[in-house]
Amino acid sequence: MTISLSAPRSLLLAGAFIGAFTFGAAAQQPAAPATGAAPAAAPALPPGSPLIGRPDSEAAAKLAPVAGPPLATAADKLPLAKLKVPSGFNIEVYAAGMANARSLAQSDKGTVFVGSRLVDKVYAITNKDGKREVKVLASGLYRPNGVAFHDGTLFIAELSKIGKIDKVDEVLDNPPKPTTIYDNLPKDEAHGWKFIAVGPDNKLYVPVGQPGNNVLHDDAHGQIRRMNLDGTGAEVVALGVRNSVGFDWNPETKQMYFTDNGRDWMSEDVPQDKLNRLTKVGEDFGVPYCYQGNIPDPEFGWGHSCSSYTPPVGLMGPHVAALGMRFYTGNMFPKAYKNAIFVARHGSWNRTNKAGGDIAVVKLNKDGTVKSVEPFLTGFLEDNKYVGRPVDVMQMKDGSLLVSDDWNGAVYRVTYGKPNKVAAQ
């Protein structure tokens, strides 16, 4: 369906999302009340705060979003020795020094572009004669999380607009400011950062998350849109989406698969994050009325049946923050990984025992549903604390796999085979 939307404006136009919502109130301790006076009321949480709805219990009070280091970790301090891959695979640091490194894209000439969420930059990693260099391609942007490359053009998704840089490989040393192609997007901070990708139909896809943990949103939220590459012809292709930060297309069926994060504060173990499959335009995946395909929401689920919505093809774990995902079509890895999906699970914050914090490999049945979900790259979570947090994955032209880590501001490369044989690739 075609959309013509007027996006609401958020009151929160600056500052880091986690820092503003999680730590601002805690930093302002009210003065002790006078003897006999009623206790001071807790300060109101800002709209969209992830702490809205947190149960009033001692255990829940200990849970809040986990803020990462403010600066990128030095290359020689990265937790590479802690990261584990299956036998026969290798992992190395591909590039470091990129604060809050998140979404990944690659140009036809091999330049790797890296978005960010908590800083204002998009990075470019060049690789010439085996020597890699990190450049700041664009700065002064607002939550430039999403990056996508197509036919020489780099598309950049900020909080409330999408821009582009044409012939980007030719202007790496003197890049222009991105040209805005689409700005009909809400400005809510909650789930406002965007992942973008160009589909096999040569359309640009962009999600618009719920403006809070669990809310009855308007028709401008909770969806995935697609548009022409010049920003025209925008339409909604999926509804009932809470917060998708990763999608790709099945190389065999050309159907779109996307991750979606479940709501918070229902319990520590439900709902699980989902892996969804879009088979037709306009499918509704249930949020906020139904979660993980079979759990009616306790607040909004009354009068709604989960059977009325498209169920997920697989579940990714409770609160694991399943983000970036790619189908693997390369030839470097063993045949068992062909057309499997690699998913970055950023890791939970609202569980007493954290879950996720890894790269999972999802193998499919012949009908496209999930056969198995197995850990592939682990070690980011140690003693219930993060030493890194994976965000996105991307297959390189040689069949190796890149993994971004926004906690350390780094990108890793996973290869298969003898290290000395693949090092030059």
Protein backbone atom coordinates (compact mmCIF):
# COMPACT_ATOMS: atom_id res chain seq x y z
CA MET A 1 0.00 0.00 0.00
CA THR A 2 1.18 3.53 -0.79
CA ILE A 3 1.90 5.79 2.16
CA SER A 4 1.56 9.49 2.80
CA LEU A 5 2.64 10.05 6.35
CA SER A 6 3.19 12.99 8.64
CA ALA A 7 5.81 11.87 11.12
CA PRO A 8 5.49 12.93 14.80
CA ARG A 9 8.39 14.77 16.34
CA SER A 10 10.11 13.40 19.42
CA LEU A 11 11.03 15.60 22.33
CA LEU A 12 14.41 13.89 22.38
CA LEU A 13 16.47 15.32 19.57
CA ALA A 14 19.98 14.89 20.89
CA GLY A 15 22.14 12.77 23.13
CA ALA A 16 22.89 9.10 23.19
CA PHE A 17 19.71 7.02 23.40
CA ILE A 18 20.94 4.67 26.09
CA GLY A 19 22.63 7.37 28.10
CA ALA A 20 19.71 9.77 27.98
CA PHE A 21 17.08 7.20 28.90
CA THR A 22 18.99 5.00 31.28
CA PHE A 23 21.34 7.11 33.27
CA GLY A 24 19.90 10.64 33.28
CA ALA A 25 17.33 10.01 35.98
CA ALA A 26 19.73 7.94 38.07
CA ALA A 27 22.26 10.76 38.14
CA GLN A 28 19.80 13.15 39.80
CA GLN A 29 19.29 11.86 43.33
CA PRO A 30 16.44 13.65 45.14
CA ALA A 31 17.17 15.21 48.51
CA ALA A 32 16.06 13.22 51.56
CA PRO A 33 12.50 14.19 52.54
CA ALA A 34 11.89 15.99 55.81
CA THR A 35 10.89 13.86 58.78
CA GLY A 36 7.30 12.76 58.40
CA ALA A 37 7.05 13.98 54.83
CA ALA A 38 5.87 11.67 52.04
CA PRO A 39 8.68 10.17 49.92
CA ALA A 40 9.48 12.16 46.81
CA ALA A 41 7.94 10.78 43.65
CA ALA A 42 10.30 9.15 41.19
CA PRO A 43 11.08 11.42 38.24
CA ALA A 44 8.98 10.70 35.17
CA LEU A 45 10.65 8.68 32.46
CA PRO A 46 10.94 10.34 29.05
CA PRO A 47 8.72 9.09 26.20
CA GLY A 48 10.03 5.87 24.69
CA SER A 49 12.33 5.05 27.59
CA PRO A 50 13.25 1.35 27.68
CA LEU A 51 12.61 1.43 31.43
CA ILE A 52 8.90 2.15 31.01
CA GLY A 53 7.03 -0.93 32.18
CA ARG A 54 9.86 -2.32 34.29
CA PRO A 55 8.39 -4.41 37.12
CA ASP A 56 8.65 -3.04 40.62
CA SER A 57 10.92 -5.73 42.00
CA GLU A 58 14.44 -5.88 43.33
CA ALA A 59 15.63 -8.19 40.55
CA ALA A 60 14.14 -6.09 37.76
CA ALA A 61 15.53 -2.89 39.26
CA LYS A 62 19.03 -4.18 38.56
CA LEU A 63 18.36 -4.45 34.82
CA ALA A 64 18.93 -1.59 32.40
CA PRO A 65 20.54 -1.06 28.97
CA VAL A 66 24.29 -1.59 29.05
CA ALA A 67 26.35 1.40 27.92
CA GLY A 68 29.50 0.52 26.01
CA PRO A 69 32.86 2.31 26.14
CA PRO A 70 32.71 5.85 24.74
CA LEU A 71 35.82 5.39 22.58
CA ALA A 72 36.97 2.69 20.18
CA THR A 73 39.28 0.08 21.67
CA ALA A 74 42.89 0.14 20.50
CA ALA A 75 43.68 -2.67 18.05
CA ASP A 76 46.11 -4.35 20.43
CA LYS A 77 43.51 -4.33 23.22
CA LEU A 78 40.71 -6.04 21.30
CA PRO A 79 39.40 -9.32 22.78
CA LEU A 80 40.50 -11.36 19.77
CA ALA A 81 41.96 -14.17 21.89
CA LYS A 82 38.60 -14.63 23.62
CA LEU A 83 36.63 -15.09 20.39
CA LYS A 84 35.97 -18.67 19.32
CA VAL A 85 34.94 -20.12 15.94
CA PRO A 86 34.39 -23.76 14.88
CA SER A 87 37.33 -25.98 13.98
CA GLY A 88 38.90 -25.04 10.66
CA PHE A 89 37.81 -21.41 10.84
CA ASN A 90 40.02 -18.42 11.66
CA ILE A 91 39.26 -14.97 13.01
CA GLU A 92 41.33 -11.81 12.70
CA VAL A 93 40.93 -8.08 13.17
CA TYR A 94 39.97 -6.54 9.84
CA ALA A 95 39.93 -2.91 11.01
CA ALA A 96 39.76 -0.99 14.30
CA GLY A 97 39.42 2.56 15.59
CA MET A 98 35.82 3.16 14.43
CA ALA A 99 33.77 4.25 17.44
CA ASN A 100 30.39 2.48 17.61
CA ALA A 101 30.93 0.51 14.37
CA ARG A 102 27.60 -1.00 13.28
CA SER A 103 26.02 -1.70 9.87
CA LEU A 104 28.21 -2.90 6.99
CA ALA A 105 28.17 -2.51 3.21
CA GLN A 106 30.74 -3.16 0.48
CA SER A 107 31.32 -1.42 -2.84
CA ASP A 108 32.09 -3.12 -6.12
CA LYS A 109 35.72 -2.07 -5.68
CA GLY A 110 35.98 -3.61 -2.22
CA THR A 111 35.59 -0.55 0.00
CA VAL A 112 33.79 -1.47 3.22
CA PHE A 113 31.43 1.14 4.65
CA VAL A 114 30.53 1.18 8.34
CA GLY A 115 27.64 3.05 9.93
CA SER A 116 27.27 4.13 13.57
CA ARG A 117 24.43 4.91 15.97
CA LEU A 118 25.82 6.84 18.93
CA VAL A 119 28.31 8.97 17.00
CA ASP A 120 27.85 11.10 13.89
CA LYS A 121 30.10 9.24 11.46
CA VAL A 122 30.15 6.84 8.54
CA TYR A 123 33.52 5.17 7.97
CA ALA A 124 35.18 3.76 4.87
CA ILE A 125 37.75 0.94 5.07
CA THR A 126 39.95 0.86 1.99
CA ASN A 127 42.19 -2.05 1.09
CA LYS A 128 45.00 -1.28 -1.33
CA ASP A 129 47.90 -3.66 -1.93
CA GLY A 130 47.01 -5.53 1.25
CA LYS A 131 47.12 -2.38 3.37
CA ARG A 132 43.89 -1.31 5.05
CA GLU A 133 43.08 2.24 5.99
CA VAL A 134 40.09 3.68 7.88
CA LYS A 135 38.72 7.01 6.66
CA VAL A 136 35.85 9.12 7.97
CA LEU A 137 33.59 9.34 4.93
CA ALA A 138 30.88 11.50 6.49
CA SER A 139 30.41 13.29 9.80
CA GLY A 140 27.88 15.61 11.36
CA LEU A 141 25.11 13.07 10.75
CA TYR A 142 22.42 12.03 13.22
CA ARG A 143 22.41 8.30 14.05
CA PRO A 144 23.73 7.17 10.64
CA ASN A 145 23.23 3.48 11.45
CA GLY A 146 22.21 2.16 8.03
CA VAL A 147 24.45 1.87 4.98
CA ALA A 148 23.74 0.19 1.63
CA PHE A 149 25.68 0.18 -1.64
CA HIS A 150 24.17 -0.19 -5.11
CA ASP A 151 25.51 0.66 -8.60
CA GLY A 152 28.18 3.06 -7.35
CA THR A 153 25.97 4.84 -4.84
CA LEU A 154 26.17 4.65 -1.06
CA PHE A 155 22.85 5.11 0.74
CA ILE A 156 22.96 6.30 4.37
CA ALA A 157 20.01 6.05 6.77
CA GLU A 158 19.93 8.55 9.62
CA LEU A 159 17.25 8.72 12.31
CA SER A 160 14.68 10.53 10.17
CA LYS A 161 16.06 10.69 6.64
CA ILE A 162 17.93 8.79 3.96
CA GLY A 163 20.73 10.31 1.94
CA LYS A 164 23.11 9.17 -0.78
CA ILE A 165 26.60 9.77 -2.12
CA ASP A 166 26.94 9.00 -5.82
CA LYS A 167 30.12 7.51 -7.29
CA VAL A 168 31.33 7.12 -3.73
CA ASP A 169 34.50 5.17 -4.58
CA GLU A 170 35.68 8.12 -6.66
CA VAL A 171 35.27 10.68 -3.86
CA LEU A 172 36.66 8.87 -0.82
CA ASP A 173 39.37 11.49 -0.30
CA ASN A 174 37.05 14.46 -0.71
CA PRO A 175 33.48 13.26 -0.15
CA PRO A 176 30.49 15.60 -0.51
CA LYS A 177 27.72 15.78 2.04
CA PRO A 178 25.01 13.17 1.46
CA THR A 179 22.10 14.31 -0.69
CA THR A 180 18.74 13.69 0.98
CA ILE A 181 16.39 11.50 -1.05
CA TYR A 182 13.71 10.72 1.58
CA ASP A 183 12.76 12.45 4.83
CA ASN A 184 9.21 11.31 5.53
CA LEU A 185 10.29 9.39 8.63
CA PRO A 186 9.39 9.79 12.32
CA LYS A 187 11.91 11.41 14.66
CA ASP A 188 11.32 9.19 17.69
CA GLU A 189 14.53 8.15 19.42
CA ALA A 190 13.12 4.80 20.57
CA HIS A 191 13.94 2.26 17.83
CA GLY A 192 14.56 5.16 15.50
CA TRP A 193 17.92 4.04 14.09
CA LYS A 194 17.61 2.35 10.70
CA PHE A 195 19.04 -0.63 8.85
CA ILE A 196 18.70 -0.36 5.07
CA ALA A 197 19.32 -2.61 2.09
CA VAL A 198 18.55 -2.77 -1.62
CA GLY A 199 16.42 -5.77 -2.55
CA PRO A 200 16.50 -7.96 -5.69
CA ASP A 201 13.72 -5.71 -7.06
CA ASN A 202 16.15 -2.74 -7.01
CA LYS A 203 14.09 -1.08 -4.30
CA LEU A 204 15.46 0.45 -1.10
CA TYR A 205 14.02 -1.10 2.08
CA VAL A 206 13.87 0.70 5.43
CA PRO A 207 12.23 -0.28 8.75
CA VAL A 208 10.37 2.05 11.11
CA GLY A 209 10.24 0.60 14.62
CA GLN A 210 7.76 1.03 17.44
CA PRO A 211 8.29 4.34 19.30
CA GLY A 212 8.68 2.54 22.62
CA ASN A 213 8.89 -0.83 24.28
CA ASN A 214 5.27 -1.86 23.72
CA VAL A 215 2.80 0.72 22.47
CA LEU A 216 -0.26 1.08 20.27
CA HIS A 217 1.52 3.03 17.56
CA ASP A 218 0.12 5.07 14.68
CA ASP A 219 0.30 4.15 11.00
CA ALA A 220 3.80 5.67 10.64
CA HIS A 221 5.46 3.07 12.90
CA GLY A 222 5.90 -0.66 13.35
CA GLN A 223 6.57 -1.46 9.69
CA ILE A 224 9.01 -1.96 6.84
CA ARG A 225 8.82 0.30 3.81
CA ARG A 226 10.34 0.14 0.37
CA MET A 227 10.89 2.86 -2.20
CA ASN A 228 12.54 3.62 -5.51
CA LEU A 229 16.24 4.42 -5.37
CA ASP A 230 15.48 8.12 -5.76
CA GLY A 231 13.19 8.08 -2.71
CA THR A 232 9.90 8.16 -4.63
CA GLY A 233 7.08 5.64 -4.54
CA ALA A 234 7.37 4.69 -0.87
CA GLU A 235 5.01 1.94 0.29
CA VAL A 236 4.55 -0.28 3.33
CA VAL A 237 5.42 -3.93 2.71
CA ALA A 238 5.27 -5.36 6.26
CA LEU A 239 3.24 -4.48 9.35
CA GLY A 240 3.34 -5.54 12.99
CA VAL A 241 7.12 -5.14 13.22
CA ARG A 242 8.55 -4.01 16.56
CA ASN A 243 12.21 -3.30 15.77
CA SER A 244 14.00 -4.86 12.82
CA VAL A 245 17.70 -4.06 12.46
CA GLY A 246 18.59 -6.63 9.82
CA PHE A 247 17.20 -8.26 6.70
CA ASP A 248 18.27 -10.09 3.55
CA TRP A 249 16.74 -12.06 0.69
CA ASN A 250 16.78 -15.83 0.26
CA PRO A 251 19.04 -16.43 -2.76
CA GLU A 252 16.79 -19.25 -3.99
CA THR A 253 13.26 -17.94 -3.40
CA LYS A 254 14.06 -14.18 -3.35
CA GLN A 255 11.79 -13.88 -0.29
CA MET A 256 12.76 -11.34 2.35
CA TYR A 257 13.81 -12.57 5.79
CA PHE A 258 14.19 -10.16 8.69
CA THR A 259 15.01 -10.20 12.39
CA ASP A 260 12.66 -8.58 14.88
CA ASN A 261 13.29 -7.88 18.56
CA GLY A 262 10.59 -8.93 21.05
CA ARG A 263 9.19 -6.65 23.74
CA ASP A 264 10.75 -6.13 27.16
CA TRP A 265 9.43 -6.71 30.68
CA MET A 266 7.01 -9.55 29.96
CA SER A 267 9.44 -11.94 31.63
CA GLU A 268 13.12 -12.88 31.48
CA ASP A 269 12.45 -15.84 29.18
CA VAL A 270 9.66 -14.63 26.87
CA PRO A 271 9.09 -13.43 24.32
CA GLN A 272 11.87 -14.59 22.05
CA ASP A 273 13.24 -12.53 19.20
CA LYS A 274 11.99 -13.65 15.81
CA LEU A 275 13.20 -14.49 12.34
CA ASN A 276 10.40 -13.57 9.95
CA ARG A 277 9.77 -14.25 6.28
CA LEU A 278 7.81 -11.89 4.03
CA THR A 279 5.93 -13.81 1.33
CA LYS A 280 3.60 -11.04 0.12
CA VAL A 281 3.22 -7.29 0.44
CA GLY A 282 1.18 -6.20 3.43
CA GLU A 283 1.70 -9.16 5.76
CA ASP A 284 1.12 -8.37 9.44
CA PHE A 285 3.50 -9.97 11.96
CA GLY A 286 1.37 -9.20 15.01
CA VAL A 287 3.12 -6.57 17.14
CA PRO A 288 1.94 -5.22 19.57
CA TYR A 289 -0.91 -7.73 19.86
CA CYS A 290 1.05 -10.96 19.57
CA TYR A 291 4.68 -11.90 20.24
CA GLN A 292 6.86 -14.78 18.99
CA GLY A 293 3.86 -16.01 17.01
CA ASN A 294 2.01 -17.63 19.89
CA ILE A 295 1.91 -15.32 22.95
CA PRO A 296 -0.89 -12.73 23.13
CA ASP A 297 0.37 -9.51 24.66
CA PRO A 298 -1.02 -9.21 28.22
CA GLU A 299 -1.97 -5.57 27.68
CA PHE A 300 -2.96 -5.28 24.02
CA GLY A 301 -3.69 -8.90 23.08
CA TRP A 302 -7.28 -8.91 24.33
CA GLY A 303 -9.63 -9.50 21.40
CA HIS A 304 -6.77 -10.51 19.09
CA SER A 305 -5.75 -14.04 18.11
CA CYS A 306 -2.16 -14.87 17.24
CA SER A 307 -3.52 -17.05 14.44
CA SER A 308 -4.59 -13.86 12.65
CA TYR A 309 -0.97 -12.85 12.06
CA THR A 310 1.98 -14.25 10.13
CA PRO A 311 4.05 -16.45 12.46
CA PRO A 312 7.86 -16.37 12.48
CA VAL A 313 9.83 -19.03 10.63
CA GLY A 314 12.05 -19.37 13.67
CA LEU A 315 12.81 -18.07 17.15
CA MET A 316 16.21 -16.60 18.03
CA GLY A 317 16.21 -16.62 21.83
CA PRO A 318 14.77 -14.39 24.59
CA HIS A 319 15.93 -10.78 24.48
CA VAL A 320 19.10 -11.69 22.54
CA ALA A 321 18.77 -8.61 20.30
CA ALA A 322 19.01 -10.37 16.94
CA LEU A 323 20.24 -7.63 14.58
CA GLY A 324 22.16 -7.87 11.30
CA MET A 325 21.75 -11.00 9.15
CA ARG A 326 22.97 -12.27 5.77
CA PHE A 327 22.47 -15.39 3.71
CA TYR A 328 25.81 -17.03 3.02
CA THR A 329 26.29 -17.67 -0.71
CA GLY A 330 30.09 -17.87 -0.85
CA ASN A 331 32.36 -20.81 -1.56
CA MET A 332 35.06 -20.37 1.10
CA PHE A 333 33.09 -22.01 3.93
CA PRO A 334 32.13 -25.73 3.91
CA LYS A 335 29.03 -26.76 1.92
CA ALA A 336 27.01 -27.14 5.12
CA TYR A 337 26.93 -23.34 5.37
CA LYS A 338 25.72 -22.69 1.81
CA ASN A 339 22.55 -20.56 1.89
CA ALA A 340 22.50 -20.61 5.70
CA ILE A 341 21.88 -17.34 7.54
CA PHE A 342 24.44 -15.71 9.80
CA VAL A 343 22.77 -13.56 12.47
CA ALA A 344 24.44 -11.10 14.83
CA ARG A 345 22.90 -11.39 18.30
CA HIS A 346 23.91 -8.19 20.05
CA GLY A 347 23.08 -9.62 23.47
CA SER A 348 20.43 -9.07 26.12
CA TRP A 349 20.33 -6.45 28.83
CA ASN A 350 17.01 -7.25 30.49
CA ARG A 351 17.84 -10.76 31.70
CA THR A 352 19.59 -11.59 34.95
CA ASN A 353 21.70 -14.11 33.03
CA LYS A 354 22.58 -12.45 29.75
CA ALA A 355 21.95 -14.29 26.48
CA GLY A 356 23.17 -13.78 22.94
CA GLY A 357 26.32 -11.78 22.38
CA ASP A 358 27.38 -14.01 19.50
CA ILE A 359 27.02 -14.81 15.81
CA ALA A 360 24.50 -17.60 15.25
CA VAL A 361 24.17 -19.69 12.11
CA VAL A 362 20.59 -20.50 11.08
CA LYS A 363 20.06 -23.47 8.77
CA LEU A 364 16.77 -23.80 6.91
CA ASN A 365 14.47 -26.63 5.92
CA LYS A 366 13.50 -27.06 2.28
CA ASP A 367 10.28 -25.14 2.94
CA GLY A 368 12.26 -22.12 4.19
CA THR A 369 11.46 -22.58 7.88
CA VAL A 370 14.20 -22.81 10.48
CA LYS A 371 15.84 -26.20 10.95
CA SER A 372 18.43 -25.18 13.55
CA VAL A 373 19.99 -22.20 15.31
CA GLU A 374 23.54 -22.79 16.50
CA PRO A 375 26.26 -20.54 17.94
CA PHE A 376 29.03 -19.88 15.41
CA LEU A 377 31.22 -17.08 16.77
CA THR A 378 31.25 -16.81 20.56
CA GLY A 379 33.30 -15.16 23.32
CA PHE A 380 31.78 -11.68 23.39
CA LEU A 381 30.07 -12.54 26.68
CA GLU A 382 32.30 -13.53 29.60
CA ASP A 383 31.18 -14.06 33.22
CA ASN A 384 27.87 -12.37 32.38
CA LYS A 385 29.68 -9.24 31.16
CA TYR A 386 30.29 -8.06 27.62
CA VAL A 387 33.78 -7.80 26.19
CA GLY A 388 32.26 -7.05 22.78
CA ARG A 389 28.85 -6.84 21.11
CA PRO A 390 28.34 -7.96 17.49
CA VAL A 391 25.95 -5.88 15.38
CA ASP A 392 26.16 -6.85 11.72
CA VAL A 393 27.62 -9.48 9.40
CA MET A 394 28.59 -9.21 5.74
CA GLN A 395 29.95 -11.68 3.23
CA MET A 396 33.02 -10.47 1.36
CA LYS A 397 33.58 -11.19 -2.32
CA ASP A 398 36.15 -13.88 -1.45
CA GLY A 399 33.61 -15.71 0.74
CA SER A 400 35.00 -14.57 4.09
CA LEU A 401 32.65 -13.02 6.66
CA LEU A 402 32.97 -9.62 8.31
CA VAL A 403 31.51 -8.97 11.77
CA SER A 404 31.10 -5.51 13.30
CA ASP A 405 31.43 -4.87 17.04
CA ASP A 406 30.02 -1.56 18.30
CA TRP A 407 31.32 -2.13 21.85
CA ASN A 408 34.94 -2.02 20.67
CA GLY A 409 34.54 -0.06 17.43
CA ALA A 410 36.05 -2.83 15.34
CA VAL A 411 35.37 -5.17 12.43
CA TYR A 412 36.58 -8.79 12.45
CA ARG A 413 37.09 -11.16 9.51
CA VAL A 414 36.24 -14.88 9.65
CA THR A 415 37.88 -17.21 7.13
CA TYR A 416 38.08 -20.95 6.58
CA GLY A 417 41.20 -22.95 5.78
CA LYS A 418 44.87 -22.64 6.59
CA PRO A 419 45.59 -19.09 7.78
CA ASN A 420 48.59 -18.61 5.51
CA LYS A 421 46.49 -19.61 2.50
CA VAL A 422 43.60 -17.22 3.11
CA ALA A 423 45.57 -14.30 4.55
CA ALA A 424 46.27 -12.81 1.15
CA GLN A 425 42.69 -13.06 -0.05
